[in-house]
């Protein structure tokens, strides 16, 4: 990915905070109610976009959805944040079949509904739990509390193969719908090593990205300095310079300065800049302050 040298014009700046749990809080919806009904979820996501002035809507953002669908007990707070996650009871046995029949249709339905009635200039993003994160949680080697100390080498390998195959299924689905990009969210450390160790298995993701002209952006939460953090997977189509918005700006957007913004390598297309949150926007953020931050970022007034 190559960073462009020419500063983009304000008109080409896209304000892209990730609004998911924030959308549920804004509508005062419980987590079970928010995630149960695709129609209600789509309405909440659109309302959150309008309230914040965002240029991006992401169809989902929950890295525990796969494990929960596979029968693992996930302990959450009232906003849906997970405090612990048990290892799915059956590991990878039949896991892909379960996710294809239960979770994938939900992800695709929300994405398709958003795509069918997208607003002018709105970017639509598809969500995917990072394969490194999913593999660790399936094999019992997660940093989140798990009943096992860690799977065997064979279990870890099998979990990695399953996680990549699931990623391929999801990205293919988003490509067929016509979404603009996908965000691969790595919530566990070690994503760089995972992508390096499984480069051959991951190649179909790159191929699908090229075929559908569907960029893949990796967000890596822990650790933040992982070399794959907030970068496009090699070979992904060019989407524009990516500038990350640090989380603290969403908590105190009126106190922003130019030095607080971090520029990372990204592709280029027509001088466009995607100003993307480094993870989800805090649920307690105030909509009017988010909108104010977006106006300042898009105008270059920092």
C-alpha atoms as a PDB file:
ATOM      1  CA  UNK A   1       0.000   0.000   0.000  1.00  0.00           C
ATOM      2  CA  UNK A   2       1.366   3.438  -0.954  1.00  0.00           C
ATOM      3  CA  UNK A   3       0.723   6.747   0.749  1.00  0.00           C
ATOM      4  CA  UNK A   4      -0.026   9.544  -1.698  1.00  0.00           C
ATOM      5  CA  UNK A   5       2.124  12.673  -1.679  1.00  0.00           C
ATOM      6  CA  UNK A   6      -0.504  15.223  -2.687  1.00  0.00           C
ATOM      7  CA  UNK A   7      -2.839  16.485   0.038  1.00  0.00           C
ATOM      8  CA  UNK A   8      -6.467  15.658  -0.781  1.00  0.00           C
ATOM      9  CA  UNK A   9      -9.022  18.422  -1.128  1.00  0.00           C
ATOM     10  CA  UNK A  10     -11.641  18.739   1.661  1.00  0.00           C
ATOM     11  CA  UNK A  11     -14.342  17.433  -0.709  1.00  0.00           C
ATOM     12  CA  UNK A  12     -12.494  14.122  -0.942  1.00  0.00           C
ATOM     13  CA  UNK A  13     -12.298  13.582   2.820  1.00  0.00           C
ATOM     14  CA  UNK A  14     -14.575  10.818   4.113  1.00  0.00           C
ATOM     15  CA  UNK A  15     -15.421  10.664   7.823  1.00  0.00           C
ATOM     16  CA  UNK A  16     -15.601   6.972   8.729  1.00  0.00           C
ATOM     17  CA  UNK A  17     -16.200   6.267  12.423  1.00  0.00           C
ATOM     18  CA  UNK A  18     -17.329   2.690  13.127  1.00  0.00           C
ATOM     19  CA  UNK A  19     -20.809   2.944  14.656  1.00  0.00           C
ATOM     20  CA  UNK A  20     -22.282  -0.321  15.874  1.00  0.00           C
ATOM     21  CA  UNK A  21     -22.757  -0.653  19.623  1.00  0.00           C
ATOM     22  CA  UNK A  22     -23.049   3.137  19.580  1.00  0.00           C
ATOM     23  CA  UNK A  23     -26.083   2.742  17.319  1.00  0.00           C
ATOM     24  CA  UNK A  24     -27.756   0.413  19.814  1.00  0.00           C
ATOM     25  CA  UNK A  25     -27.076   2.801  22.709  1.00  0.00           C
ATOM     26  CA  UNK A  26     -28.395   5.748  20.681  1.00  0.00           C
ATOM     27  CA  UNK A  27     -31.686   3.905  20.119  1.00  0.00           C
ATOM     28  CA  UNK A  28     -31.725   2.680  23.740  1.00  0.00           C
ATOM     29  CA  UNK A  29     -31.934  -0.898  22.508  1.00  0.00           C
ATOM     30  CA  UNK A  30     -30.726  -3.880  24.506  1.00  0.00           C
ATOM     31  CA  UNK A  31     -27.972  -5.930  22.903  1.00  0.00           C
ATOM     32  CA  UNK A  32     -30.243  -8.979  22.328  1.00  0.00           C
ATOM     33  CA  UNK A  33     -32.925  -6.804  20.727  1.00  0.00           C
ATOM     34  CA  UNK A  34     -30.405  -4.937  18.572  1.00  0.00           C
ATOM     35  CA  UNK A  35     -28.804  -8.083  17.148  1.00  0.00           C
ATOM     36  CA  UNK A  36     -31.977 -10.141  16.781  1.00  0.00           C
ATOM     37  CA  UNK A  37     -33.831  -8.179  14.103  1.00  0.00           C
ATOM     38  CA  UNK A  38     -31.980  -7.130  10.909  1.00  0.00           C
ATOM     39  CA  UNK A  39     -34.663  -4.555  10.076  1.00  0.00           C
ATOM     40  CA  UNK A  40     -34.339  -2.832  13.456  1.00  0.00           C
ATOM     41  CA  UNK A  41     -30.562  -3.032  13.259  1.00  0.00           C
ATOM     42  CA  UNK A  42     -30.459  -1.401   9.824  1.00  0.00           C
ATOM     43  CA  UNK A  43     -32.729   1.421  11.024  1.00  0.00           C
ATOM     44  CA  UNK A  44     -30.512   1.996  14.061  1.00  0.00           C
ATOM     45  CA  UNK A  45     -27.326   2.027  11.981  1.00  0.00           C
ATOM     46  CA  UNK A  46     -28.801   4.553   9.547  1.00  0.00           C
ATOM     47  CA  UNK A  47     -29.959   6.759  12.422  1.00  0.00           C
ATOM     48  CA  UNK A  48     -26.484   6.639  13.953  1.00  0.00           C
ATOM     49  CA  UNK A  49     -24.965   7.641  10.625  1.00  0.00           C
ATOM     50  CA  UNK A  50     -27.300  10.610  10.277  1.00  0.00           C
ATOM     51  CA  UNK A  51     -26.788  11.704  13.888  1.00  0.00           C
ATOM     52  CA  UNK A  52     -22.993  11.610  13.623  1.00  0.00           C
ATOM     53  CA  UNK A  53     -22.563  12.828  10.054  1.00  0.00           C
ATOM     54  CA  UNK A  54     -20.575   9.705   9.156  1.00  0.00           C
ATOM     55  CA  UNK A  55     -19.820   8.671   5.562  1.00  0.00           C
ATOM     56  CA  UNK A  56     -19.502   4.965   6.476  1.00  0.00           C
ATOM     57  CA  UNK A  57     -21.944   2.328   7.677  1.00  0.00           C
ATOM     58  CA  UNK A  58     -20.616  -1.087   8.730  1.00  0.00           C
ATOM     59  CA  UNK A  59     -23.112  -3.932   8.820  1.00  0.00           C
ATOM     60  CA  UNK A  60     -21.760  -5.545  12.010  1.00  0.00           C
ATOM     61  CA  UNK A  61     -18.971  -5.235  14.564  1.00  0.00           C
ATOM     62  CA  UNK A  62     -18.717  -8.003  17.130  1.00  0.00           C
ATOM     63  CA  UNK A  63     -15.733 -10.339  17.202  1.00  0.00           C
ATOM     64  CA  UNK A  64     -17.555 -12.815  19.452  1.00  0.00           C
ATOM     65  CA  UNK A  65     -20.488 -13.496  17.113  1.00  0.00           C
ATOM     66  CA  UNK A  66     -18.967 -16.651  15.623  1.00  0.00           C
ATOM     67  CA  UNK A  67     -18.132 -18.269  18.945  1.00  0.00           C
ATOM     68  CA  UNK A  68     -21.525 -17.388  20.370  1.00  0.00           C
ATOM     69  CA  UNK A  69     -23.249 -18.843  17.303  1.00  0.00           C
ATOM     70  CA  UNK A  70     -21.230 -22.032  17.822  1.00  0.00           C
ATOM     71  CA  UNK A  71     -22.545 -22.436  21.361  1.00  0.00           C
ATOM     72  CA  UNK A  72     -19.805 -20.790  23.414  1.00  0.00           C
ATOM     73  CA  UNK A  73     -20.906 -18.912  26.511  1.00  0.00           C
ATOM     74  CA  UNK A  74     -20.061 -15.216  26.083  1.00  0.00           C
ATOM     75  CA  UNK A  75     -20.461 -12.979  29.128  1.00  0.00           C
ATOM     76  CA  UNK A  76     -21.430  -9.447  28.048  1.00  0.00           C
ATOM     77  CA  UNK A  77     -22.260  -6.148  29.685  1.00  0.00           C
ATOM     78  CA  UNK A  78     -25.431  -4.233  28.865  1.00  0.00           C
ATOM     79  CA  UNK A  79     -23.835  -2.677  25.759  1.00  0.00           C
ATOM     80  CA  UNK A  80     -22.777  -6.030  24.326  1.00  0.00           C
ATOM     81  CA  UNK A  81     -19.078  -5.783  25.240  1.00  0.00           C
ATOM     82  CA  UNK A  82     -17.678  -9.218  26.084  1.00  0.00           C
ATOM     83  CA  UNK A  83     -15.906  -9.801  29.386  1.00  0.00           C
ATOM     84  CA  UNK A  84     -15.193 -13.480  28.745  1.00  0.00           C
ATOM     85  CA  UNK A  85     -15.721 -16.123  26.098  1.00  0.00           C
ATOM     86  CA  UNK A  86     -15.576 -19.868  26.533  1.00  0.00           C
ATOM     87  CA  UNK A  87     -14.169 -22.089  23.812  1.00  0.00           C
ATOM     88  CA  UNK A  88     -16.977 -23.420  21.558  1.00  0.00           C
ATOM     89  CA  UNK A  89     -17.845 -26.867  22.901  1.00  0.00           C
ATOM     90  CA  UNK A  90     -17.295 -28.781  19.658  1.00  0.00           C
ATOM     91  CA  UNK A  91     -14.277 -26.909  18.293  1.00  0.00           C
ATOM     92  CA  UNK A  92     -14.290 -26.872  14.511  1.00  0.00           C
ATOM     93  CA  UNK A  93     -16.499 -29.957  14.150  1.00  0.00           C
ATOM     94  CA  UNK A  94     -19.391 -28.893  11.946  1.00  0.00           C
ATOM     95  CA  UNK A  95     -18.558 -25.237  12.685  1.00  0.00           C
ATOM     96  CA  UNK A  96     -18.517 -24.006   9.100  1.00  0.00           C
ATOM     97  CA  UNK A  97     -21.920 -25.575   8.421  1.00  0.00           C
ATOM     98  CA  UNK A  98     -23.394 -23.885  11.497  1.00  0.00           C
ATOM     99  CA  UNK A  99     -21.992 -20.469  10.608  1.00  0.00           C
ATOM    100  CA  UNK A 100     -23.107 -20.772   6.994  1.00  0.00           C
ATOM    101  CA  UNK A 101     -26.670 -21.558   8.042  1.00  0.00           C
ATOM    102  CA  UNK A 102     -27.035 -19.273  11.080  1.00  0.00           C
ATOM    103  CA  UNK A 103     -24.610 -16.336  11.129  1.00  0.00           C
ATOM    104  CA  UNK A 104     -23.778 -15.744   7.464  1.00  0.00           C
ATOM    105  CA  UNK A 105     -27.420 -15.124   6.455  1.00  0.00           C
ATOM    106  CA  UNK A 106     -27.723 -12.491   9.207  1.00  0.00           C
ATOM    107  CA  UNK A 107     -24.540 -10.697   8.143  1.00  0.00           C
ATOM    108  CA  UNK A 108     -25.594 -10.739   4.508  1.00  0.00           C
ATOM    109  CA  UNK A 109     -29.170  -9.645   5.191  1.00  0.00           C
ATOM    110  CA  UNK A 110     -28.063  -6.529   7.082  1.00  0.00           C
ATOM    111  CA  UNK A 111     -25.488  -5.788   4.368  1.00  0.00           C
ATOM    112  CA  UNK A 112     -28.023  -6.293   1.567  1.00  0.00           C
ATOM    113  CA  UNK A 113     -30.645  -4.085   3.226  1.00  0.00           C
ATOM    114  CA  UNK A 114     -28.095  -1.306   3.683  1.00  0.00           C
ATOM    115  CA  UNK A 115     -26.999  -1.683   0.060  1.00  0.00           C
ATOM    116  CA  UNK A 116     -30.547  -1.635  -1.287  1.00  0.00           C
ATOM    117  CA  UNK A 117     -31.266   1.791   0.164  1.00  0.00           C
ATOM    118  CA  UNK A 118     -27.863   3.435   0.464  1.00  0.00           C
ATOM    119  CA  UNK A 119     -27.638   7.198   0.663  1.00  0.00           C
ATOM    120  CA  UNK A 120     -25.626   9.287  -1.813  1.00  0.00           C
ATOM    121  CA  UNK A 121     -21.926   9.246  -1.007  1.00  0.00           C
ATOM    122  CA  UNK A 122     -22.271   6.623   1.721  1.00  0.00           C
ATOM    123  CA  UNK A 123     -19.607   3.944   1.957  1.00  0.00           C
ATOM    124  CA  UNK A 124     -20.857   0.493   2.956  1.00  0.00           C
ATOM    125  CA  UNK A 125     -18.481  -1.763   4.858  1.00  0.00           C
ATOM    126  CA  UNK A 126     -18.754  -5.443   5.665  1.00  0.00           C
ATOM    127  CA  UNK A 127     -17.491  -6.785   8.987  1.00  0.00           C
ATOM    128  CA  UNK A 128     -15.409  -9.900   9.547  1.00  0.00           C
ATOM    129  CA  UNK A 129     -13.861 -11.246  12.731  1.00  0.00           C
ATOM    130  CA  UNK A 130     -10.161 -11.587  11.958  1.00  0.00           C
ATOM    131  CA  UNK A 131      -9.064 -15.166  11.227  1.00  0.00           C
ATOM    132  CA  UNK A 132      -6.244 -14.931  13.783  1.00  0.00           C
ATOM    133  CA  UNK A 133      -8.764 -13.942  16.466  1.00  0.00           C
ATOM    134  CA  UNK A 134     -11.302 -16.599  15.523  1.00  0.00           C
ATOM    135  CA  UNK A 135      -8.670 -19.341  15.305  1.00  0.00           C
ATOM    136  CA  UNK A 136      -7.398 -18.555  18.809  1.00  0.00           C
ATOM    137  CA  UNK A 137     -10.863 -18.582  20.310  1.00  0.00           C
ATOM    138  CA  UNK A 138     -11.826 -21.810  18.575  1.00  0.00           C
ATOM    139  CA  UNK A 139      -8.615 -23.578  19.636  1.00  0.00           C
ATOM    140  CA  UNK A 140      -8.699 -22.347  23.232  1.00  0.00           C
ATOM    141  CA  UNK A 141      -5.590 -20.145  22.963  1.00  0.00           C
ATOM    142  CA  UNK A 142      -7.459 -16.839  23.281  1.00  0.00           C
ATOM    143  CA  UNK A 143      -6.384 -14.018  25.570  1.00  0.00           C
ATOM    144  CA  UNK A 144     -10.014 -13.925  26.745  1.00  0.00           C
ATOM    145  CA  UNK A 145     -10.766 -16.323  29.616  1.00  0.00           C
ATOM    146  CA  UNK A 146     -11.251 -19.837  28.279  1.00  0.00           C
ATOM    147  CA  UNK A 147     -11.873 -23.195  29.993  1.00  0.00           C
ATOM    148  CA  UNK A 148      -8.850 -24.700  28.266  1.00  0.00           C
ATOM    149  CA  UNK A 149      -5.172 -23.843  28.575  1.00  0.00           C
ATOM    150  CA  UNK A 150      -4.707 -24.061  24.832  1.00  0.00           C
ATOM    151  CA  UNK A 151      -5.225 -26.535  22.067  1.00  0.00           C
ATOM    152  CA  UNK A 152      -2.697 -28.937  20.623  1.00  0.00           C
ATOM    153  CA  UNK A 153      -0.680 -28.073  17.531  1.00  0.00           C
ATOM    154  CA  UNK A 154      -3.134 -30.064  15.430  1.00  0.00           C
ATOM    155  CA  UNK A 155      -6.106 -28.222  16.937  1.00  0.00           C
ATOM    156  CA  UNK A 156      -4.464 -24.856  16.327  1.00  0.00           C
ATOM    157  CA  UNK A 157      -3.751 -25.749  12.700  1.00  0.00           C
ATOM    158  CA  UNK A 158      -7.280 -27.004  12.161  1.00  0.00           C
ATOM    159  CA  UNK A 159      -8.710 -23.858  13.766  1.00  0.00           C
ATOM    160  CA  UNK A 160      -6.576 -21.643  11.513  1.00  0.00           C
ATOM    161  CA  UNK A 161      -7.757 -23.458   8.377  1.00  0.00           C
ATOM    162  CA  UNK A 162     -11.370 -23.161   9.502  1.00  0.00           C
ATOM    163  CA  UNK A 163     -11.024 -19.443  10.301  1.00  0.00           C
ATOM    164  CA  UNK A 164      -9.556 -18.653   6.884  1.00  0.00           C
ATOM    165  CA  UNK A 165     -12.245 -20.676   5.122  1.00  0.00           C
ATOM    166  CA  UNK A 166     -14.934 -18.786   7.026  1.00  0.00           C
ATOM    167  CA  UNK A 167     -13.296 -15.487   6.049  1.00  0.00           C
ATOM    168  CA  UNK A 168     -13.425 -16.534   2.399  1.00  0.00           C
ATOM    169  CA  UNK A 169     -17.137 -17.360   2.700  1.00  0.00           C
ATOM    170  CA  UNK A 170     -17.938 -13.968   4.245  1.00  0.00           C
ATOM    171  CA  UNK A 171     -15.838 -11.883   1.854  1.00  0.00           C
ATOM    172  CA  UNK A 172     -17.348 -13.683  -1.132  1.00  0.00           C
ATOM    173  CA  UNK A 173     -20.816 -12.885   0.201  1.00  0.00           C
ATOM    174  CA  UNK A 174     -20.009  -9.197   0.648  1.00  0.00           C
ATOM    175  CA  UNK A 175     -18.439  -9.034  -2.796  1.00  0.00           C
ATOM    176  CA  UNK A 176     -21.557 -10.498  -4.394  1.00  0.00           C
ATOM    177  CA  UNK A 177     -23.745  -7.931  -2.623  1.00  0.00           C
ATOM    178  CA  UNK A 178     -21.521  -5.102  -3.838  1.00  0.00           C
ATOM    179  CA  UNK A 179     -20.231  -3.583  -0.614  1.00  0.00           C
ATOM    180  CA  UNK A 180     -17.452  -1.015  -0.946  1.00  0.00           C
ATOM    181  CA  UNK A 181     -14.953  -2.616   1.463  1.00  0.00           C
ATOM    182  CA  UNK A 182     -14.577  -5.013   4.373  1.00  0.00           C
ATOM    183  CA  UNK A 183     -13.082  -4.421   7.799  1.00  0.00           C
ATOM    184  CA  UNK A 184     -11.251  -7.422   9.240  1.00  0.00           C
ATOM    185  CA  UNK A 185     -11.189  -6.889  13.004  1.00  0.00           C
ATOM    186  CA  UNK A 186      -8.366  -8.620  14.879  1.00  0.00           C
ATOM    187  CA  UNK A 187      -9.154  -8.515  18.590  1.00  0.00           C
ATOM    188  CA  UNK A 188      -6.305 -10.865  19.593  1.00  0.00           C
ATOM    189  CA  UNK A 189      -2.541 -10.256  19.419  1.00  0.00           C
ATOM    190  CA  UNK A 190      -0.386 -11.979  16.828  1.00  0.00           C
ATOM    191  CA  UNK A 191      -2.150 -11.082  13.582  1.00  0.00           C
ATOM    192  CA  UNK A 192       1.126 -10.369  11.767  1.00  0.00           C
ATOM    193  CA  UNK A 193       2.479 -13.825  12.541  1.00  0.00           C
ATOM    194  CA  UNK A 194      -0.819 -15.443  11.577  1.00  0.00           C
ATOM    195  CA  UNK A 195      -0.943 -13.807   8.152  1.00  0.00           C
ATOM    196  CA  UNK A 196       2.706 -14.648   7.547  1.00  0.00           C
ATOM    197  CA  UNK A 197       2.360 -18.272   8.660  1.00  0.00           C
ATOM    198  CA  UNK A 198      -0.793 -18.832   6.607  1.00  0.00           C
ATOM    199  CA  UNK A 199       0.028 -16.657   3.603  1.00  0.00           C
ATOM    200  CA  UNK A 200      -0.845 -19.392   1.088  1.00  0.00           C
ATOM    201  CA  UNK A 201      -4.200 -20.106   2.742  1.00  0.00           C
ATOM    202  CA  UNK A 202      -5.002 -16.375   2.922  1.00  0.00           C
ATOM    203  CA  UNK A 203      -4.231 -15.804  -0.787  1.00  0.00           C
ATOM    204  CA  UNK A 204      -7.839 -16.554  -1.870  1.00  0.00           C
ATOM    205  CA  UNK A 205      -8.936 -13.574   0.235  1.00  0.00           C
ATOM    206  CA  UNK A 206      -6.624 -11.361  -1.788  1.00  0.00           C
ATOM    207  CA  UNK A 207      -7.896 -12.930  -5.008  1.00  0.00           C
ATOM    208  CA  UNK A 208     -11.520 -12.296  -4.033  1.00  0.00           C
ATOM    209  CA  UNK A 209     -10.629  -8.737  -3.094  1.00  0.00           C
ATOM    210  CA  UNK A 210      -9.203  -8.170  -6.550  1.00  0.00           C
ATOM    211  CA  UNK A 211     -12.041  -9.928  -8.345  1.00  0.00           C
ATOM    212  CA  UNK A 212     -14.792  -7.929  -6.649  1.00  0.00           C
ATOM    213  CA  UNK A 213     -12.678  -4.761  -6.371  1.00  0.00           C
ATOM    214  CA  UNK A 214     -13.490  -5.013  -2.691  1.00  0.00           C
ATOM    215  CA  UNK A 215     -10.721  -3.630  -0.420  1.00  0.00           C
ATOM    216  CA  UNK A 216      -9.898  -5.409   2.826  1.00  0.00           C
ATOM    217  CA  UNK A 217      -8.788  -3.278   5.779  1.00  0.00           C
ATOM    218  CA  UNK A 218      -7.285  -4.931   8.854  1.00  0.00           C
ATOM    219  CA  UNK A 219      -7.871  -3.291  12.227  1.00  0.00           C
ATOM    220  CA  UNK A 220      -5.772  -4.811  14.982  1.00  0.00           C
ATOM    221  CA  UNK A 221      -6.773  -3.885  18.497  1.00  0.00           C
ATOM    222  CA  UNK A 222      -4.110  -5.660  20.546  1.00  0.00           C
ATOM    223  CA  UNK A 223      -1.304  -4.827  20.247  1.00  0.00           C
ATOM    224  CA  UNK A 224      -1.763  -1.551  18.385  1.00  0.00           C
ATOM    225  CA  UNK A 225       1.783  -1.633  17.023  1.00  0.00           C
ATOM    226  CA  UNK A 226       1.306  -4.972  15.275  1.00  0.00           C
ATOM    227  CA  UNK A 227       2.711  -4.603  11.764  1.00  0.00           C
ATOM    228  CA  UNK A 228      -0.614  -5.563  10.194  1.00  0.00           C
ATOM    229  CA  UNK A 229      -2.529  -3.018  12.260  1.00  0.00           C
ATOM    230  CA  UNK A 230      -4.828  -0.774  10.268  1.00  0.00           C
ATOM    231  CA  UNK A 231      -3.375  -1.794   6.921  1.00  0.00           C
ATOM    232  CA  UNK A 232      -4.740  -3.243   3.739  1.00  0.00           C
ATOM    233  CA  UNK A 233      -3.972  -6.888   3.030  1.00  0.00           C
ATOM    234  CA  UNK A 234      -1.355  -7.071   0.287  1.00  0.00           C
ATOM    235  CA  UNK A 235      -2.880  -6.938  -3.178  1.00  0.00           C
ATOM    236  CA  UNK A 236      -6.142  -5.312  -2.097  1.00  0.00           C
ATOM    237  CA  UNK A 237      -7.537  -2.756  -4.527  1.00  0.00           C
ATOM    238  CA  UNK A 238      -6.607   0.841  -3.864  1.00  0.00           C
ATOM    239  CA  UNK A 239      -9.174   2.758  -1.829  1.00  0.00           C
ATOM    240  CA  UNK A 240      -7.481   5.974  -0.768  1.00  0.00           C
ATOM    241  CA  UNK A 241      -5.164   7.234   1.915  1.00  0.00           C
ATOM    242  CA  UNK A 242      -6.280   5.924   5.313  1.00  0.00           C
ATOM    243  CA  UNK A 243      -5.897   8.249   8.255  1.00  0.00           C
ATOM    244  CA  UNK A 244      -6.735   6.794  11.652  1.00  0.00           C
ATOM    245  CA  UNK A 245      -8.742   8.750  14.212  1.00  0.00           C
ATOM    246  CA  UNK A 246      -7.474   7.983  17.748  1.00  0.00           C
ATOM    247  CA  UNK A 247     -10.176   6.909  20.196  1.00  0.00           C
ATOM    248  CA  UNK A 248      -9.529   9.829  22.552  1.00  0.00           C
ATOM    249  CA  UNK A 249     -10.758  12.241  19.886  1.00  0.00           C
ATOM    250  CA  UNK A 250     -14.208  10.691  20.063  1.00  0.00           C
ATOM    251  CA  UNK A 251     -14.267  11.197  23.820  1.00  0.00           C
ATOM    252  CA  UNK A 252     -13.158  14.869  23.648  1.00  0.00           C
ATOM    253  CA  UNK A 253     -13.594  15.932  20.007  1.00  0.00           C
ATOM    254  CA  UNK A 254     -13.552  19.649  20.830  1.00  0.00           C
ATOM    255  CA  UNK A 255      -9.938  19.352  22.039  1.00  0.00           C
ATOM    256  CA  UNK A 256      -8.509  17.952  18.815  1.00  0.00           C
ATOM    257  CA  UNK A 257      -5.251  19.097  17.258  1.00  0.00           C
ATOM    258  CA  UNK A 258      -3.572  18.183  13.996  1.00  0.00           C
ATOM    259  CA  UNK A 259      -0.795  16.401  15.868  1.00  0.00           C
ATOM    260  CA  UNK A 260      -3.256  13.922  17.343  1.00  0.00           C
ATOM    261  CA  UNK A 261      -4.031  12.387  13.959  1.00  0.00           C
ATOM    262  CA  UNK A 262      -1.899   9.428  12.867  1.00  0.00           C
ATOM    263  CA  UNK A 263      -1.264   8.746   9.196  1.00  0.00           C
ATOM    264  CA  UNK A 264      -0.598   5.157   8.155  1.00  0.00           C
ATOM    265  CA  UNK A 265       0.243   3.566   4.788  1.00  0.00           C
ATOM    266  CA  UNK A 266      -2.715   3.244   2.464  1.00  0.00           C
ATOM    267  CA  UNK A 267      -3.571   2.934  -1.211  1.00  0.00           C
ATOM    268  CA  UNK A 268      -4.573   5.886  -3.349  1.00  0.00           C
ATOM    269  CA  UNK A 269      -7.402   6.690  -5.689  1.00  0.00           C
ATOM    270  CA  UNK A 270      -8.167  10.199  -6.884  1.00  0.00           C
ATOM    271  CA  UNK A 271      -6.683  11.783  -3.776  1.00  0.00           C
ATOM    272  CA  UNK A 272      -9.455  10.399  -1.552  1.00  0.00           C
ATOM    273  CA  UNK A 273      -8.847  10.174   2.204  1.00  0.00           C
ATOM    274  CA  UNK A 274     -10.707   7.762   4.503  1.00  0.00           C
ATOM    275  CA  UNK A 275     -10.580   8.968   8.103  1.00  0.00           C
ATOM    276  CA  UNK A 276     -11.337   5.743   9.946  1.00  0.00           C
ATOM    277  CA  UNK A 277     -11.744   5.099  13.657  1.00  0.00           C
ATOM    278  CA  UNK A 278      -9.150   2.728  15.095  1.00  0.00           C
ATOM    279  CA  UNK A 279     -11.978   0.575  16.538  1.00  0.00           C
ATOM    280  CA  UNK A 280     -15.600   1.178  17.464  1.00  0.00           C
ATOM    281  CA  UNK A 281     -16.667   4.637  18.597  1.00  0.00           C
ATOM    282  CA  UNK A 282     -17.281   4.651  22.386  1.00  0.00           C
ATOM    283  CA  UNK A 283     -20.963   4.090  23.103  1.00  0.00           C
ATOM    284  CA  UNK A 284     -21.058   7.070  25.461  1.00  0.00           C
ATOM    285  CA  UNK A 285     -19.929   9.515  22.762  1.00  0.00           C
ATOM    286  CA  UNK A 286     -22.298  12.427  22.183  1.00  0.00           C
ATOM    287  CA  UNK A 287     -23.772  12.512  18.646  1.00  0.00           C
ATOM    288  CA  UNK A 288     -23.442  16.273  18.302  1.00  0.00           C
ATOM    289  CA  UNK A 289     -19.783  16.113  19.288  1.00  0.00           C
ATOM    290  CA  UNK A 290     -19.178  13.333  16.785  1.00  0.00           C
ATOM    291  CA  UNK A 291     -20.780  15.460  14.094  1.00  0.00           C
ATOM    292  CA  UNK A 292     -18.641  18.436  15.117  1.00  0.00           C
ATOM    293  CA  UNK A 293     -15.500  16.299  14.892  1.00  0.00           C
ATOM    294  CA  UNK A 294     -16.509  15.071  11.447  1.00  0.00           C
ATOM    295  CA  UNK A 295     -17.072  18.604  10.177  1.00  0.00           C
ATOM    296  CA  UNK A 296     -13.639  19.660  11.408  1.00  0.00           C
ATOM    297  CA  UNK A 297     -11.909  16.618   9.948  1.00  0.00           C
ATOM    298  CA  UNK A 298     -13.573  16.937   6.554  1.00  0.00           C
ATOM    299  CA  UNK A 299     -12.887  20.657   6.331  1.00  0.00           C
ATOM    300  CA  UNK A 300      -9.236  20.223   7.303  1.00  0.00           C
ATOM    301  CA  UNK A 301      -9.757  22.575  10.248  1.00  0.00           C
ATOM    302  CA  UNK A 302      -7.314  20.869  12.602  1.00  0.00           C
END
